[in-house]
Amino acid sequence: MSHEEIVTKLSIKLVNIAASPTEIVHALSLQSVLIELAHRLGPQALSLTPAELFQARDAVRVAIRDNLNTQEVIAIGLDNWTTARKEVLPCSSSVSC
């Protein structure tokens, strides 16, 4: 079984128990964690329970929080978003176009 198939099955396992759209977003954002689990554990990853997958997610969140300046990353992301947004917005002033 390929790593991609393992990640897909793990993702489905989490989406199926999602109680709200917020949980679905969290489940989808776990893809990087699931990919790493698939690489580390191979098919054995399929035996992990949703609780174990959420524990893995939480451990990664703690590691990120402790080792990353999230405000800086959020600022960079929003700067990129603002730039991209300006590129697709139609010009509203004939003077500056």
Protein backbone atom coordinates (compact mmCIF):
# COMPACT_ATOMS: atom_id res chain seq x y z
CA MET A 1 0.00 0.00 0.00
CA SER A 2 1.41 3.41 -0.94
CA HIS A 3 1.93 6.22 1.54
CA GLU A 4 -0.70 8.26 -0.30
CA GLU A 5 -3.29 5.50 0.19
CA ILE A 6 -2.44 5.30 3.88
CA VAL A 7 -2.83 9.08 4.28
CA THR A 8 -6.17 8.98 2.46
CA LYS A 9 -7.49 6.23 4.73
CA LEU A 10 -6.29 8.05 7.86
CA SER A 11 -7.90 11.29 6.64
CA ILE A 12 -11.20 9.53 6.02
CA LYS A 13 -11.03 8.04 9.51
CA LEU A 14 -10.84 11.55 10.99
CA VAL A 15 -13.35 13.24 8.70
CA ASN A 16 -15.92 10.54 9.45
CA ILE A 17 -15.92 11.49 13.16
CA ALA A 18 -15.90 15.24 12.64
CA ALA A 19 -18.67 16.87 14.63
CA SER A 20 -18.51 20.27 12.96
CA PRO A 21 -17.01 22.10 9.98
CA THR A 22 -14.25 23.34 12.30
CA GLU A 23 -13.26 19.76 13.07
CA ILE A 24 -13.24 18.96 9.36
CA VAL A 25 -10.83 21.86 8.78
CA HIS A 26 -8.61 20.55 11.59
CA ALA A 27 -8.74 17.06 10.12
CA LEU A 28 -7.74 18.33 6.70
CA SER A 29 -4.94 20.45 8.15
CA LEU A 30 -3.50 17.25 9.64
CA GLN A 31 -2.38 16.07 6.23
CA SER A 32 1.30 16.89 6.86
CA VAL A 33 1.23 14.98 10.14
CA LEU A 34 -0.52 12.04 8.48
CA ILE A 35 2.01 11.99 5.65
CA GLU A 36 4.86 11.79 8.16
CA LEU A 37 3.08 9.05 10.12
CA ALA A 38 2.61 7.08 6.89
CA HIS A 39 6.31 7.42 6.11
CA ARG A 40 7.36 6.43 9.63
CA LEU A 41 4.92 3.60 10.25
CA GLY A 42 3.86 2.44 6.80
CA PRO A 43 0.72 0.26 6.82
CA GLN A 44 0.94 0.00 10.63
CA ALA A 45 -0.32 3.61 10.71
CA LEU A 46 -3.75 2.29 9.73
CA SER A 47 -4.11 0.71 13.16
CA LEU A 48 -3.92 4.11 14.88
CA THR A 49 -7.17 5.26 16.45
CA PRO A 50 -8.62 8.73 15.93
CA ALA A 51 -7.60 9.52 19.53
CA GLU A 52 -3.99 8.58 18.75
CA LEU A 53 -4.06 10.71 15.59
CA PHE A 54 -5.34 13.69 17.58
CA GLN A 55 -2.61 13.09 20.19
CA ALA A 56 -0.03 13.17 17.39
CA ARG A 57 -1.57 16.40 16.10
CA ASP A 58 -1.47 17.94 19.57
CA ALA A 59 2.17 16.92 20.04
CA VAL A 60 3.05 18.61 16.76
CA ARG A 61 1.10 21.74 17.74
CA VAL A 62 3.05 21.95 21.01
CA ALA A 63 6.34 21.51 19.18
CA ILE A 64 5.40 24.23 16.69
CA ARG A 65 4.22 26.56 19.43
CA ASP A 66 7.43 26.06 21.41
CA ASN A 67 9.77 26.39 18.44
CA LEU A 68 8.15 28.84 16.08
CA ASN A 69 7.22 32.48 16.26
CA THR A 70 3.67 32.09 14.99
CA GLN A 71 3.00 35.82 14.89
CA GLU A 72 5.81 36.23 12.38
CA VAL A 73 4.51 33.35 10.26
CA ILE A 74 0.94 34.69 10.41
CA ALA A 75 2.22 38.13 9.33
CA ILE A 76 4.12 36.61 6.39
CA GLY A 77 1.06 34.61 5.36
CA LEU A 78 -1.21 37.65 5.52
CA ASP A 79 1.33 39.74 3.59
CA ASN A 80 1.35 37.08 0.85
CA TRP A 81 -2.46 36.97 0.89
CA THR A 82 -2.70 40.76 0.65
CA THR A 83 -0.30 40.83 -2.30
CA ALA A 84 -2.16 38.06 -4.11
CA ARG A 85 -5.47 39.76 -3.41
CA LYS A 86 -4.26 43.06 -4.87
CA GLU A 87 -3.14 41.25 -8.02
CA VAL A 88 -6.64 39.91 -8.73
CA LEU A 89 -8.74 42.91 -7.67
CA PRO A 90 -9.98 45.02 -10.58
CA CYS A 91 -8.71 48.57 -10.64
CA SER A 92 -11.30 50.91 -9.15
CA SER A 93 -9.63 54.19 -10.15
CA SER A 94 -8.96 55.26 -13.72
CA VAL A 95 -6.25 57.62 -12.44
CA SER A 96 -4.02 54.94 -10.88
CA CYS A 97 -4.56 52.23 -13.52
